[in-house]
């Protein structure tokens, strides 16, 4: 088992034991089945009340070498062995914003870490697995038939 997989298992255990968490999800290369020894791990943690002191929550995961807050407000944590984790700690009310994401990328069950109310599962299930972004990539000048063909190929 890779150190990153052990960290993911530890995050799952800490989430399950923390009654302050309403829901949690993971995203990125590991849920997609593409994680390797160089991949980082990413999580969204949805808390019933205001997020606790992030550092104290993160310390429960194990030894930490360094923590920084990135431009989107996530805590980027460097664990021993240069294992990088990204943690978004937000209020449970933010679960509804998940339904506005362009896509989820992988099946829902691979993303769910914890869902005490079912709200996170419903939000994730409302998303397509892959983003329909061909119009944006191809531009307005691309024929509609081409965009439809690209979308169809993406969902096969």
N, C-alpha and C. Protein backbone atom coordinates (compact mmCIF):
# COMPACT_ATOMS: atom_id res chain seq x y z
N UNK A 1 0.85 -1.18 0.00
CA UNK A 1 0.00 0.00 0.00
C UNK A 1 0.90 1.24 0.00
N UNK A 2 0.61 2.16 -0.90
CA UNK A 2 1.36 3.41 -0.98
C UNK A 2 1.12 4.28 0.25
N UNK A 3 2.10 5.10 0.64
CA UNK A 3 1.88 6.03 1.76
C UNK A 3 0.63 6.89 1.56
N UNK A 4 0.36 7.27 0.30
CA UNK A 4 -0.83 8.08 0.03
C UNK A 4 -2.11 7.30 0.30
N UNK A 5 -2.10 6.02 0.00
CA UNK A 5 -3.28 5.19 0.28
C UNK A 5 -3.49 5.03 1.79
N UNK A 6 -2.39 4.94 2.54
CA UNK A 6 -2.52 4.89 4.00
C UNK A 6 -3.09 6.20 4.53
N UNK A 7 -2.66 7.32 3.94
CA UNK A 7 -3.20 8.61 4.35
C UNK A 7 -4.69 8.70 4.04
N UNK A 8 -5.09 8.25 2.88
CA UNK A 8 -6.51 8.27 2.52
C UNK A 8 -7.31 7.44 3.52
N UNK A 9 -6.81 6.28 3.89
CA UNK A 9 -7.49 5.43 4.88
C UNK A 9 -7.56 6.14 6.23
N UNK A 10 -6.50 6.85 6.59
CA UNK A 10 -6.50 7.59 7.86
C UNK A 10 -7.52 8.72 7.82
N UNK A 11 -7.60 9.44 6.71
CA UNK A 11 -8.60 10.52 6.58
C UNK A 11 -10.00 9.93 6.73
N UNK A 12 -10.26 8.81 6.09
CA UNK A 12 -11.57 8.16 6.20
C UNK A 12 -11.90 7.83 7.66
N UNK A 13 -10.92 7.28 8.37
CA UNK A 13 -11.15 6.90 9.77
C UNK A 13 -11.39 8.13 10.65
N UNK A 14 -10.60 9.18 10.45
CA UNK A 14 -10.77 10.40 11.25
C UNK A 14 -12.12 11.04 10.95
N UNK A 15 -12.51 11.06 9.69
CA UNK A 15 -13.82 11.61 9.32
C UNK A 15 -14.96 10.83 9.98
N UNK A 16 -14.89 9.52 9.91
CA UNK A 16 -15.95 8.69 10.49
C UNK A 16 -16.07 8.89 12.00
N UNK A 17 -14.95 9.14 12.65
CA UNK A 17 -14.96 9.30 14.11
C UNK A 17 -15.33 10.71 14.57
N UNK A 18 -15.34 11.67 13.67
CA UNK A 18 -15.57 13.07 14.03
C UNK A 18 -17.03 13.43 13.81
N UNK A 19 -17.79 13.54 14.89
CA UNK A 19 -19.22 13.83 14.78
C UNK A 19 -19.49 15.24 14.27
N UNK A 20 -18.49 16.10 14.23
CA UNK A 20 -18.68 17.46 13.70
C UNK A 20 -18.81 17.45 12.18
N UNK A 21 -18.36 16.38 11.54
CA UNK A 21 -18.44 16.30 10.09
C UNK A 21 -19.79 15.76 9.65
N UNK A 22 -20.41 16.46 8.71
CA UNK A 22 -21.65 16.02 8.10
C UNK A 22 -21.35 15.15 6.89
N UNK A 23 -20.33 15.54 6.13
CA UNK A 23 -20.00 14.81 4.90
C UNK A 23 -18.55 15.10 4.52
N UNK A 24 -18.02 14.24 3.67
CA UNK A 24 -16.67 14.44 3.14
C UNK A 24 -16.56 13.71 1.81
N UNK A 25 -15.75 14.28 0.93
CA UNK A 25 -15.49 13.63 -0.36
C UNK A 25 -14.02 13.75 -0.70
N UNK A 26 -13.60 12.85 -1.56
CA UNK A 26 -12.26 12.92 -2.11
C UNK A 26 -12.38 13.04 -3.62
N UNK A 27 -11.41 13.63 -4.23
CA UNK A 27 -11.42 13.79 -5.69
C UNK A 27 -9.99 13.68 -6.19
N UNK A 28 -9.82 13.67 -7.49
CA UNK A 28 -8.49 13.63 -8.06
C UNK A 28 -8.09 12.24 -8.55
N UNK A 29 -6.80 12.00 -8.60
CA UNK A 29 -6.28 10.80 -9.25
C UNK A 29 -6.59 9.50 -8.50
N UNK A 30 -6.63 9.51 -7.18
CA UNK A 30 -6.88 8.24 -6.48
C UNK A 30 -8.30 7.72 -6.69
N UNK A 31 -9.34 8.54 -6.53
CA UNK A 31 -10.67 8.00 -6.83
C UNK A 31 -10.84 7.61 -8.29
N UNK A 32 -10.05 8.23 -9.17
CA UNK A 32 -10.12 7.90 -10.59
C UNK A 32 -9.34 6.62 -10.92
N UNK A 33 -8.65 6.07 -9.92
CA UNK A 33 -7.88 4.86 -10.14
C UNK A 33 -6.54 5.11 -10.80
N UNK A 34 -6.10 6.36 -10.80
CA UNK A 34 -4.84 6.70 -11.46
C UNK A 34 -3.77 7.21 -10.50
N UNK A 35 -4.02 7.09 -9.19
CA UNK A 35 -3.06 7.57 -8.21
C UNK A 35 -1.78 6.76 -8.22
N UNK A 36 -0.68 7.45 -7.98
CA UNK A 36 0.61 6.75 -7.92
C UNK A 36 1.46 7.35 -6.81
N UNK A 37 2.72 6.99 -6.77
CA UNK A 37 3.63 7.43 -5.71
C UNK A 37 3.90 8.93 -5.75
N UNK A 38 3.48 9.63 -6.80
CA UNK A 38 3.73 11.06 -6.92
C UNK A 38 2.44 11.88 -6.83
N UNK A 39 1.31 11.22 -6.73
CA UNK A 39 0.02 11.93 -6.71
C UNK A 39 -0.21 12.58 -5.36
N UNK A 40 -0.97 13.67 -5.39
CA UNK A 40 -1.42 14.24 -4.13
C UNK A 40 -2.80 13.67 -3.82
N UNK A 41 -3.32 13.99 -2.64
CA UNK A 41 -4.65 13.54 -2.25
C UNK A 41 -5.47 14.79 -1.92
N UNK A 42 -6.74 14.77 -2.28
CA UNK A 42 -7.58 15.95 -2.11
C UNK A 42 -8.90 15.58 -1.46
N UNK A 43 -9.37 16.48 -0.58
CA UNK A 43 -10.61 16.25 0.15
C UNK A 43 -11.39 17.54 0.34
N UNK A 44 -12.71 17.39 0.34
CA UNK A 44 -13.63 18.42 0.81
C UNK A 44 -14.27 17.86 2.07
N UNK A 45 -14.22 18.64 3.16
CA UNK A 45 -14.79 18.24 4.45
C UNK A 45 -15.88 19.24 4.80
N UNK A 46 -17.10 18.74 5.00
CA UNK A 46 -18.26 19.59 5.26
C UNK A 46 -18.65 19.43 6.72
N UNK A 47 -18.53 20.52 7.48
CA UNK A 47 -18.74 20.50 8.93
C UNK A 47 -20.08 21.11 9.30
N UNK A 48 -20.72 20.55 10.34
CA UNK A 48 -22.03 21.03 10.79
C UNK A 48 -21.94 22.47 11.29
N UNK A 49 -20.89 22.79 11.99
CA UNK A 49 -20.70 24.15 12.52
C UNK A 49 -19.50 24.77 11.82
N UNK A 50 -19.14 25.95 12.28
CA UNK A 50 -17.98 26.61 11.69
C UNK A 50 -16.77 25.68 11.77
N UNK A 51 -15.95 25.67 10.73
CA UNK A 51 -14.79 24.79 10.75
C UNK A 51 -13.93 25.03 11.99
N UNK A 52 -13.42 23.94 12.56
CA UNK A 52 -12.55 24.08 13.74
C UNK A 52 -11.21 24.66 13.30
N UNK A 53 -10.37 24.87 14.28
CA UNK A 53 -9.00 25.24 13.94
C UNK A 53 -8.46 24.17 13.01
N UNK A 54 -8.17 24.55 11.79
CA UNK A 54 -7.79 23.57 10.78
C UNK A 54 -6.55 22.80 11.19
N UNK A 55 -5.58 23.46 11.75
CA UNK A 55 -4.33 22.77 12.11
C UNK A 55 -4.58 21.66 13.12
N UNK A 56 -5.44 21.91 14.11
CA UNK A 56 -5.70 20.85 15.10
C UNK A 56 -6.40 19.66 14.45
N UNK A 57 -7.30 19.92 13.49
CA UNK A 57 -7.97 18.81 12.82
C UNK A 57 -6.96 18.05 11.96
N UNK A 58 -6.14 18.75 11.25
CA UNK A 58 -5.16 18.12 10.37
C UNK A 58 -4.11 17.34 11.16
N UNK A 59 -3.75 17.83 12.35
CA UNK A 59 -2.78 17.12 13.18
C UNK A 59 -3.24 15.71 13.54
N UNK A 60 -4.55 15.50 13.57
CA UNK A 60 -5.08 14.16 13.89
C UNK A 60 -4.76 13.15 12.79
N UNK A 61 -4.37 13.63 11.63
CA UNK A 61 -4.05 12.72 10.51
C UNK A 61 -2.67 12.10 10.63
N UNK A 62 -1.80 12.72 11.41
CA UNK A 62 -0.45 12.21 11.57
C UNK A 62 0.56 13.33 11.50
N UNK A 63 1.83 12.99 11.49
CA UNK A 63 2.87 14.02 11.47
C UNK A 63 2.77 14.90 10.23
N UNK A 64 2.92 16.19 10.47
CA UNK A 64 2.84 17.18 9.40
C UNK A 64 4.17 17.92 9.33
N UNK A 65 4.65 18.13 8.13
CA UNK A 65 5.89 18.89 7.95
C UNK A 65 5.61 20.38 7.73
N UNK A 66 4.53 20.68 6.98
CA UNK A 66 4.25 22.08 6.66
C UNK A 66 2.79 22.21 6.20
N UNK A 67 2.17 23.35 6.52
CA UNK A 67 0.81 23.64 6.08
C UNK A 67 0.79 25.06 5.52
N UNK A 68 0.19 25.23 4.34
CA UNK A 68 -0.03 26.55 3.78
C UNK A 68 -1.48 26.64 3.32
N UNK A 69 -1.97 27.83 3.23
CA UNK A 69 -3.32 28.06 2.71
C UNK A 69 -3.17 28.57 1.29
N UNK A 70 -3.82 27.88 0.33
CA UNK A 70 -3.66 28.29 -1.06
C UNK A 70 -4.65 29.38 -1.45
N UNK A 71 -4.61 29.78 -2.72
CA UNK A 71 -5.43 30.90 -3.19
C UNK A 71 -6.92 30.63 -3.14
N UNK A 72 -7.34 29.37 -3.06
CA UNK A 72 -8.77 29.07 -2.97
C UNK A 72 -9.20 28.79 -1.54
N UNK A 73 -8.30 28.98 -0.59
CA UNK A 73 -8.65 28.81 0.82
C UNK A 73 -8.42 27.41 1.36
N UNK A 74 -7.98 26.50 0.52
CA UNK A 74 -7.72 25.13 0.98
C UNK A 74 -6.41 25.08 1.75
N UNK A 75 -6.35 24.14 2.68
CA UNK A 75 -5.11 23.90 3.42
C UNK A 75 -4.31 22.85 2.67
N UNK A 76 -3.12 23.23 2.26
CA UNK A 76 -2.22 22.31 1.58
C UNK A 76 -1.23 21.82 2.62
N UNK A 77 -1.23 20.51 2.81
CA UNK A 77 -0.44 19.90 3.87
C UNK A 77 0.65 19.03 3.26
N UNK A 78 1.84 19.18 3.78
CA UNK A 78 2.96 18.33 3.36
C UNK A 78 3.28 17.39 4.52
N UNK A 79 3.08 16.11 4.27
CA UNK A 79 3.35 15.06 5.23
C UNK A 79 4.74 14.50 4.96
N UNK A 80 5.28 13.71 5.88
CA UNK A 80 6.60 13.11 5.62
C UNK A 80 6.62 12.35 4.29
N UNK A 81 7.78 12.36 3.67
CA UNK A 81 7.93 11.69 2.37
C UNK A 81 7.40 12.52 1.22
N UNK A 82 7.22 13.82 1.44
CA UNK A 82 6.68 14.73 0.43
C UNK A 82 5.29 14.32 -0.07
N UNK A 83 4.52 13.72 0.81
CA UNK A 83 3.12 13.42 0.50
C UNK A 83 2.34 14.72 0.68
N UNK A 84 1.64 15.12 -0.38
CA UNK A 84 0.89 16.39 -0.38
C UNK A 84 -0.60 16.11 -0.31
N UNK A 85 -1.27 16.78 0.60
CA UNK A 85 -2.72 16.68 0.70
C UNK A 85 -3.35 18.06 0.64
N UNK A 86 -4.52 18.13 0.03
CA UNK A 86 -5.26 19.38 -0.05
C UNK A 86 -6.60 19.17 0.65
N UNK A 87 -6.91 20.05 1.61
CA UNK A 87 -8.10 19.89 2.44
C UNK A 87 -8.91 21.18 2.45
N UNK A 88 -10.14 21.09 1.97
CA UNK A 88 -11.09 22.20 2.01
C UNK A 88 -12.00 21.94 3.21
N UNK A 89 -11.94 22.75 4.23
CA UNK A 89 -12.81 22.62 5.40
C UNK A 89 -13.85 23.72 5.32
N UNK A 90 -15.11 23.33 5.10
CA UNK A 90 -16.19 24.30 4.91
C UNK A 90 -17.42 23.86 5.70
N UNK A 91 -18.38 24.77 5.80
CA UNK A 91 -19.64 24.44 6.48
C UNK A 91 -20.47 23.49 5.63
N UNK A 92 -21.29 22.71 6.29
CA UNK A 92 -22.14 21.73 5.60
C UNK A 92 -23.10 22.40 4.62
N UNK A 93 -23.45 23.64 4.85
CA UNK A 93 -24.33 24.35 3.92
C UNK A 93 -23.72 24.44 2.52
N UNK A 94 -22.40 24.30 2.43
CA UNK A 94 -21.72 24.36 1.13
C UNK A 94 -21.94 23.10 0.29
N UNK A 95 -22.53 22.06 0.87
CA UNK A 95 -22.79 20.84 0.08
C UNK A 95 -23.61 21.18 -1.16
N UNK A 96 -24.55 22.08 -1.01
CA UNK A 96 -25.40 22.41 -2.17
C UNK A 96 -24.59 23.01 -3.32
N UNK A 97 -23.45 23.64 -3.03
CA UNK A 97 -22.63 24.21 -4.10
C UNK A 97 -21.97 23.13 -4.96
N UNK A 98 -21.87 21.92 -4.43
CA UNK A 98 -21.29 20.81 -5.20
C UNK A 98 -22.11 20.56 -6.46
N UNK A 99 -23.43 20.75 -6.37
CA UNK A 99 -24.31 20.52 -7.51
C UNK A 99 -24.04 21.49 -8.67
N UNK A 100 -23.27 22.54 -8.42
CA UNK A 100 -22.93 23.49 -9.48
C UNK A 100 -21.59 23.18 -10.13
N UNK A 101 -20.89 22.16 -9.65
CA UNK A 101 -19.63 21.78 -10.29
C UNK A 101 -19.92 21.31 -11.72
N UNK A 102 -18.95 21.44 -12.63
CA UNK A 102 -19.21 21.04 -14.02
C UNK A 102 -19.35 19.53 -14.19
N UNK A 103 -18.68 18.75 -13.36
CA UNK A 103 -18.74 17.29 -13.45
C UNK A 103 -18.06 16.72 -12.22
N UNK A 104 -18.23 15.41 -12.03
CA UNK A 104 -17.57 14.79 -10.88
C UNK A 104 -16.35 13.97 -11.27
N UNK A 105 -16.24 13.52 -12.50
CA UNK A 105 -15.05 12.83 -12.97
C UNK A 105 -15.02 11.33 -12.74
N UNK A 106 -15.64 10.85 -11.69
CA UNK A 106 -15.63 9.43 -11.36
C UNK A 106 -16.98 9.05 -10.74
N UNK A 107 -17.26 7.74 -10.62
CA UNK A 107 -18.51 7.34 -9.96
C UNK A 107 -18.60 7.88 -8.53
N UNK A 108 -19.81 8.17 -8.12
CA UNK A 108 -20.07 8.78 -6.81
C UNK A 108 -19.45 7.97 -5.67
N UNK A 109 -19.60 6.66 -5.68
CA UNK A 109 -19.10 5.85 -4.57
C UNK A 109 -17.59 5.92 -4.40
N UNK A 110 -16.88 6.25 -5.45
CA UNK A 110 -15.43 6.42 -5.33
C UNK A 110 -15.07 7.75 -4.67
N UNK A 111 -15.97 8.71 -4.73
CA UNK A 111 -15.71 10.03 -4.16
C UNK A 111 -16.15 10.15 -2.70
N UNK A 112 -17.23 9.47 -2.34
CA UNK A 112 -17.78 9.63 -0.99
C UNK A 112 -16.85 9.06 0.07
N UNK A 113 -16.56 9.87 1.05
CA UNK A 113 -15.81 9.44 2.23
C UNK A 113 -16.79 9.28 3.38
N UNK A 114 -17.73 10.22 3.49
CA UNK A 114 -18.71 10.24 4.57
C UNK A 114 -19.93 11.02 4.08
N UNK A 115 -21.12 10.55 4.43
CA UNK A 115 -22.33 11.28 4.07
C UNK A 115 -23.42 10.91 5.07
N UNK A 116 -23.47 11.64 6.17
CA UNK A 116 -24.40 11.32 7.26
C UNK A 116 -25.86 11.62 6.91
N UNK A 117 -26.10 12.52 5.95
CA UNK A 117 -27.48 12.93 5.65
C UNK A 117 -27.96 12.50 4.26
N UNK A 118 -27.08 12.10 3.40
CA UNK A 118 -27.44 11.76 2.02
C UNK A 118 -27.39 12.96 1.09
N UNK A 119 -27.20 14.16 1.62
CA UNK A 119 -27.20 15.37 0.79
C UNK A 119 -26.01 15.41 -0.17
N UNK A 120 -24.86 14.96 0.27
CA UNK A 120 -23.69 14.99 -0.60
C UNK A 120 -23.86 13.99 -1.74
N UNK A 121 -24.37 12.81 -1.44
CA UNK A 121 -24.61 11.83 -2.50
C UNK A 121 -25.56 12.40 -3.55
N UNK A 122 -26.64 13.04 -3.10
CA UNK A 122 -27.60 13.61 -4.05
C UNK A 122 -26.95 14.70 -4.90
N UNK A 123 -26.13 15.54 -4.28
CA UNK A 123 -25.46 16.61 -5.04
C UNK A 123 -24.52 16.01 -6.08
N UNK A 124 -23.76 15.00 -5.69
CA UNK A 124 -22.83 14.37 -6.63
C UNK A 124 -23.57 13.64 -7.74
N UNK A 125 -24.67 12.97 -7.41
CA UNK A 125 -25.43 12.25 -8.42
C UNK A 125 -26.08 13.18 -9.43
N UNK A 126 -26.27 14.43 -9.06
CA UNK A 126 -26.88 15.39 -9.99
C UNK A 126 -25.91 15.84 -11.08
N UNK A 127 -24.63 15.53 -10.91
CA UNK A 127 -23.60 15.97 -11.86
C UNK A 127 -23.34 14.91 -12.92
N UNK A 128 -22.99 15.34 -14.12
CA UNK A 128 -22.53 14.35 -15.10
C UNK A 128 -21.16 13.83 -14.65
N UNK A 129 -20.84 12.61 -15.06
CA UNK A 129 -19.52 12.09 -14.70
C UNK A 129 -18.41 12.82 -15.44
N UNK A 130 -18.69 13.26 -16.66
CA UNK A 130 -17.69 14.01 -17.42
C UNK A 130 -18.28 15.35 -17.82
N UNK A 131 -17.43 16.33 -17.87
CA UNK A 131 -17.90 17.68 -18.22
C UNK A 131 -18.19 17.79 -19.71
N UNK A 132 -19.24 18.49 -20.01
CA UNK A 132 -19.59 18.79 -21.41
C UNK A 132 -18.96 20.14 -21.74
N UNK A 133 -17.70 20.10 -22.04
CA UNK A 133 -16.96 21.35 -22.20
C UNK A 133 -16.53 21.60 -23.65
N UNK A 134 -17.00 20.80 -24.58
CA UNK A 134 -16.53 20.96 -25.95
C UNK A 134 -16.90 22.32 -26.54
N UNK A 135 -18.05 22.85 -26.21
CA UNK A 135 -18.46 24.15 -26.74
C UNK A 135 -17.44 25.20 -26.29
N UNK A 136 -17.08 25.15 -25.05
CA UNK A 136 -16.12 26.13 -24.53
C UNK A 136 -14.75 25.94 -25.19
N UNK A 137 -14.33 24.70 -25.38
CA UNK A 137 -13.03 24.43 -25.99
C UNK A 137 -13.01 24.75 -27.47
N UNK A 138 -14.09 24.38 -28.16
CA UNK A 138 -14.14 24.56 -29.61
C UNK A 138 -14.50 25.99 -30.00
N UNK A 139 -15.16 26.71 -29.12
CA UNK A 139 -15.56 28.08 -29.42
C UNK A 139 -16.90 28.14 -30.11
N UNK A 140 -17.45 29.32 -30.18
CA UNK A 140 -18.77 29.52 -30.76
C UNK A 140 -18.81 29.23 -32.25
N UNK A 141 -17.67 29.28 -32.92
CA UNK A 141 -17.64 29.07 -34.37
C UNK A 141 -17.76 27.60 -34.75
N UNK A 142 -17.57 26.69 -33.79
CA UNK A 142 -17.64 25.26 -34.10
C UNK A 142 -19.08 24.86 -34.41
N UNK A 143 -19.28 24.05 -35.43
CA UNK A 143 -20.64 23.61 -35.78
C UNK A 143 -21.27 22.80 -34.64
N UNK A 144 -22.56 22.98 -34.43
CA UNK A 144 -23.26 22.26 -33.36
C UNK A 144 -23.12 20.75 -33.53
N UNK A 145 -23.13 20.27 -34.77
CA UNK A 145 -23.02 18.83 -35.02
C UNK A 145 -21.67 18.30 -34.52
N UNK A 146 -20.62 19.07 -34.68
CA UNK A 146 -19.30 18.66 -34.20
C UNK A 146 -19.29 18.59 -32.68
N UNK A 147 -19.84 19.59 -32.03
CA UNK A 147 -19.90 19.60 -30.57
C UNK A 147 -20.71 18.41 -30.07
N UNK A 148 -21.85 18.12 -30.70
CA UNK A 148 -22.67 16.97 -30.31
C UNK A 148 -21.91 15.66 -30.49
N UNK A 149 -21.15 15.56 -31.57
CA UNK A 149 -20.38 14.34 -31.83
C UNK A 149 -19.28 14.15 -30.78
N UNK A 150 -18.63 15.23 -30.39
CA UNK A 150 -17.58 15.16 -29.37
C UNK A 150 -18.20 14.77 -28.02
N UNK A 151 -19.35 15.34 -27.68
CA UNK A 151 -20.03 14.97 -26.44
C UNK A 151 -20.41 13.51 -26.44
N UNK A 152 -20.92 13.02 -27.55
CA UNK A 152 -21.32 11.61 -27.64
C UNK A 152 -20.11 10.69 -27.49
N UNK A 153 -19.00 11.05 -28.10
CA UNK A 153 -17.78 10.23 -27.99
C UNK A 153 -17.27 10.21 -26.57
N UNK A 154 -17.41 11.31 -25.87
CA UNK A 154 -16.93 11.41 -24.50
C UNK A 154 -17.74 10.52 -23.55
N UNK A 155 -19.00 10.30 -23.86
CA UNK A 155 -19.85 9.54 -22.95
C UNK A 155 -19.99 8.07 -23.32
N UNK A 156 -19.32 7.63 -24.35
CA UNK A 156 -19.40 6.20 -24.75
C UNK A 156 -18.71 5.32 -23.76
